[in-house]
Amino acid sequence: MTQQQAPEWVHVALGSNLDGRETHLRQALRDLNALEGLSELVCSSLYETAPMGPQDQPDYLNAVCRFRYAGTARQLMEQLQRIEQEHGRQLDGRRWGARPLDLDIVLFGEQLIREPDLVVPHLGLRERSFVLWPLAELDDTLIVPGGDQEPARISDLQQQCEQYGIRRLAGGPLSAE
């Protein structure tokens, strides 16, 4: 990593709906934990939801992890994309298609980032139960920075969000084991 900074608390959403979903998510945690500049990794429980967009695909397993990261959001995004590709993710231009692994930066400290290929907080954060429920499990007092909207507490966003059939799976927090 070329650019060291003071570590930021980062939240990353994990999702998978192909080829051994839980295995992909557990391996992704191992891959994340091995990144330079990353520490204090914890993860929510697993949640299962129907897919967004086309319904002709398997249901998703989702989780959110939190960690401290000493690089930039761009550096992390590039590393997340590399991990996705190692898991067989193909960028074919199809939006909301099935995938073995999806990793999205949801929050990067209190930063507001608006670049063509990197938007933080994640644009869909406020409307996605499969992100809000695991995020609230980690910290329901967390404040989502505003940007174009008012800052909001995760617990408030969760109350305003349609659940879309989300269900928490038994077994406690996801781990790399």
Protein backbone atom coordinates (compact mmCIF):
# COMPACT_ATOMS: atom_id res chain seq x y z
CA MET A 1 0.00 0.00 0.00
CA THR A 2 1.58 3.25 -1.06
CA GLN A 3 -0.51 5.79 0.81
CA GLN A 4 -0.81 5.35 4.59
CA GLN A 5 -3.42 7.37 6.43
CA ALA A 6 -4.95 7.39 9.87
CA PRO A 7 -7.16 4.29 9.98
CA GLU A 8 -10.87 4.85 9.27
CA TRP A 9 -13.77 2.67 10.36
CA VAL A 10 -15.07 1.08 7.17
CA HIS A 11 -18.24 -0.95 6.54
CA VAL A 12 -18.37 -3.32 3.57
CA ALA A 13 -21.45 -5.23 2.39
CA LEU A 14 -20.89 -8.82 1.26
CA GLY A 15 -23.29 -10.79 -0.92
CA SER A 16 -23.37 -14.05 -2.85
CA ASN A 17 -26.01 -16.02 -4.69
CA LEU A 18 -24.02 -18.56 -6.70
CA ASP A 19 -21.87 -21.63 -6.17
CA GLY A 20 -21.55 -22.18 -2.44
CA ARG A 21 -22.73 -18.81 -1.16
CA GLU A 22 -21.55 -19.18 2.43
CA THR A 23 -18.16 -20.51 1.33
CA HIS A 24 -17.62 -17.41 -0.85
CA LEU A 25 -18.51 -15.11 2.04
CA ARG A 26 -16.25 -16.90 4.53
CA GLN A 27 -13.35 -16.86 2.05
CA ALA A 28 -13.98 -13.18 1.35
CA LEU A 29 -13.54 -12.50 5.08
CA ARG A 30 -10.21 -14.36 5.01
CA ASP A 31 -9.20 -12.36 1.93
CA LEU A 32 -10.18 -9.08 3.59
CA ASN A 33 -8.38 -9.94 6.81
CA ALA A 34 -5.17 -10.51 4.82
CA LEU A 35 -5.20 -6.99 3.31
CA GLU A 36 -2.41 -4.67 4.33
CA GLY A 37 -3.64 -1.82 6.51
CA LEU A 38 -6.76 -3.67 7.69
CA SER A 39 -7.41 -4.48 11.37
CA GLU A 40 -10.18 -5.21 13.87
CA LEU A 41 -12.40 -7.09 11.41
CA VAL A 42 -15.84 -8.13 12.70
CA CYS A 43 -18.88 -9.33 10.77
CA SER A 44 -22.63 -9.49 11.20
CA SER A 45 -24.73 -12.62 11.00
CA LEU A 46 -25.81 -13.96 7.63
CA TYR A 47 -29.11 -12.76 6.16
CA GLU A 48 -31.00 -14.28 3.24
CA THR A 49 -33.03 -12.21 0.79
CA ALA A 50 -34.62 -12.48 -2.61
CA PRO A 51 -32.55 -10.86 -5.37
CA MET A 52 -33.00 -7.22 -6.38
CA GLY A 53 -33.93 -6.82 -10.00
CA PRO A 54 -34.38 -9.99 -12.07
CA GLN A 55 -36.05 -12.71 -10.00
CA ASP A 56 -34.81 -15.58 -12.19
CA GLN A 57 -31.78 -16.16 -9.97
CA PRO A 58 -31.08 -17.75 -6.57
CA ASP A 59 -31.62 -15.92 -3.28
CA TYR A 60 -28.70 -14.00 -1.79
CA LEU A 61 -26.77 -14.47 1.40
CA ASN A 62 -25.67 -11.09 2.76
CA ALA A 63 -23.63 -9.74 5.64
CA VAL A 64 -21.80 -6.53 6.56
CA CYS A 65 -18.33 -6.38 8.03
CA ARG A 66 -16.62 -3.54 9.87
CA PHE A 67 -12.90 -2.93 10.17
CA ARG A 68 -10.26 -0.24 10.49
CA TYR A 69 -8.42 0.55 7.28
CA ALA A 70 -5.28 2.65 6.84
CA GLY A 71 -5.53 3.27 3.09
CA THR A 72 -7.81 5.28 0.84
CA ALA A 73 -11.31 4.36 -0.29
CA ARG A 74 -10.02 4.03 -3.86
CA GLN A 75 -7.28 1.60 -2.77
CA LEU A 76 -9.84 -0.46 -0.89
CA MET A 77 -12.27 -0.47 -3.83
CA GLU A 78 -9.54 -1.78 -6.14
CA GLN A 79 -8.69 -4.54 -3.67
CA LEU A 80 -12.36 -5.49 -3.28
CA GLN A 81 -12.73 -5.73 -7.06
CA ARG A 82 -9.67 -7.98 -7.21
CA ILE A 83 -11.17 -10.27 -4.54
CA GLU A 84 -14.48 -10.39 -6.44
CA GLN A 85 -12.67 -11.38 -9.64
CA GLU A 86 -10.73 -14.10 -7.80
CA HIS A 87 -14.12 -15.53 -6.83
CA GLY A 88 -15.24 -15.60 -10.47
CA ARG A 89 -17.13 -12.30 -10.64
CA GLN A 90 -17.44 -11.18 -14.24
CA LEU A 91 -18.33 -7.61 -15.08
CA ASP A 92 -20.62 -8.14 -18.03
CA GLY A 93 -22.54 -4.88 -17.74
CA ARG A 94 -25.68 -6.63 -16.50
CA ARG A 95 -27.05 -4.83 -13.47
CA TRP A 96 -28.26 -6.87 -10.49
CA GLY A 97 -27.29 -10.19 -12.05
CA ALA A 98 -26.33 -13.35 -10.19
CA ARG A 99 -22.79 -13.40 -8.82
CA PRO A 100 -20.53 -15.55 -6.70
CA LEU A 101 -19.36 -12.53 -4.69
CA ASP A 102 -20.29 -8.88 -4.40
CA LEU A 103 -18.31 -6.52 -2.14
CA ASP A 104 -19.40 -2.89 -1.75
CA ILE A 105 -17.99 -0.11 0.41
CA VAL A 106 -21.04 1.07 2.33
CA LEU A 107 -19.37 3.61 4.64
CA PHE A 108 -15.80 4.88 4.82
CA GLY A 109 -15.60 6.72 8.13
CA GLU A 110 -17.61 9.91 7.78
CA GLN A 111 -16.33 10.58 4.26
CA LEU A 112 -18.59 11.68 1.44
CA ILE A 113 -17.13 10.49 -1.87
CA ARG A 114 -18.75 11.29 -5.21
CA GLU A 115 -16.69 10.02 -8.12
CA PRO A 116 -17.97 8.39 -11.31
CA ASP A 117 -17.00 4.89 -10.15
CA LEU A 118 -16.96 5.33 -6.35
CA VAL A 119 -19.83 6.72 -4.28
CA VAL A 120 -19.75 6.59 -0.46
CA PRO A 121 -22.01 6.28 1.42
CA HIS A 122 -23.28 3.66 -1.00
CA LEU A 123 -26.19 5.07 -3.02
CA GLY A 124 -28.62 2.28 -2.17
CA LEU A 125 -27.76 2.05 1.52
CA ARG A 126 -30.91 3.79 2.80
CA GLU A 127 -33.32 1.50 0.89
CA ARG A 128 -31.67 -1.91 1.17
CA SER A 129 -32.79 -4.13 4.01
CA PHE A 130 -30.00 -6.59 3.19
CA VAL A 131 -27.50 -3.86 4.12
CA LEU A 132 -29.40 -2.03 6.89
CA TRP A 133 -30.27 -5.11 8.99
CA PRO A 134 -26.71 -6.48 9.21
CA LEU A 135 -25.35 -2.93 9.64
CA ALA A 136 -27.76 -2.32 12.53
CA GLU A 137 -26.65 -5.60 14.08
CA LEU A 138 -23.09 -4.22 14.18
CA ASP A 139 -24.06 -0.73 15.40
CA ASP A 140 -27.61 0.63 15.30
CA THR A 141 -26.44 4.04 16.59
CA LEU A 142 -24.19 4.58 13.57
CA ILE A 143 -24.90 7.81 11.68
CA VAL A 144 -24.93 7.74 7.88
CA PRO A 145 -23.42 11.01 6.56
CA GLY A 146 -25.82 13.13 4.57
CA GLY A 147 -24.43 14.27 1.25
CA ASP A 148 -27.60 14.99 -0.73
CA GLN A 149 -29.80 13.89 2.19
CA GLU A 150 -29.91 14.57 5.92
CA PRO A 151 -27.58 12.51 8.10
CA ALA A 152 -29.53 9.58 9.56
CA ARG A 153 -29.12 6.98 12.29
CA ILE A 154 -29.07 3.36 11.05
CA SER A 155 -31.91 2.41 13.44
CA ASP A 156 -34.12 5.17 11.94
CA LEU A 157 -33.35 4.11 8.38
CA GLN A 158 -34.09 0.52 9.30
CA GLN A 159 -37.55 1.47 10.62
CA GLN A 160 -38.34 3.28 7.36
CA CYS A 161 -37.12 0.47 5.09
CA GLU A 162 -39.29 -2.26 3.58
CA GLN A 163 -37.98 -5.63 4.79
CA TYR A 164 -38.47 -7.51 1.48
CA GLY A 165 -38.55 -10.90 3.20
CA ILE A 166 -35.13 -10.60 4.82
CA ARG A 167 -34.40 -13.29 7.36
CA ARG A 168 -31.47 -13.65 9.72
CA LEU A 169 -29.93 -17.11 9.67
CA ALA A 170 -29.10 -18.93 12.90
CA GLY A 171 -25.50 -19.30 13.89
CA GLY A 172 -24.32 -15.87 15.02
CA PRO A 173 -21.77 -13.63 13.34
CA LEU A 174 -20.12 -14.84 10.14
CA SER A 175 -16.51 -15.82 10.63
CA ALA A 176 -13.69 -16.84 8.33
CA GLU A 177 -13.62 -20.36 9.85
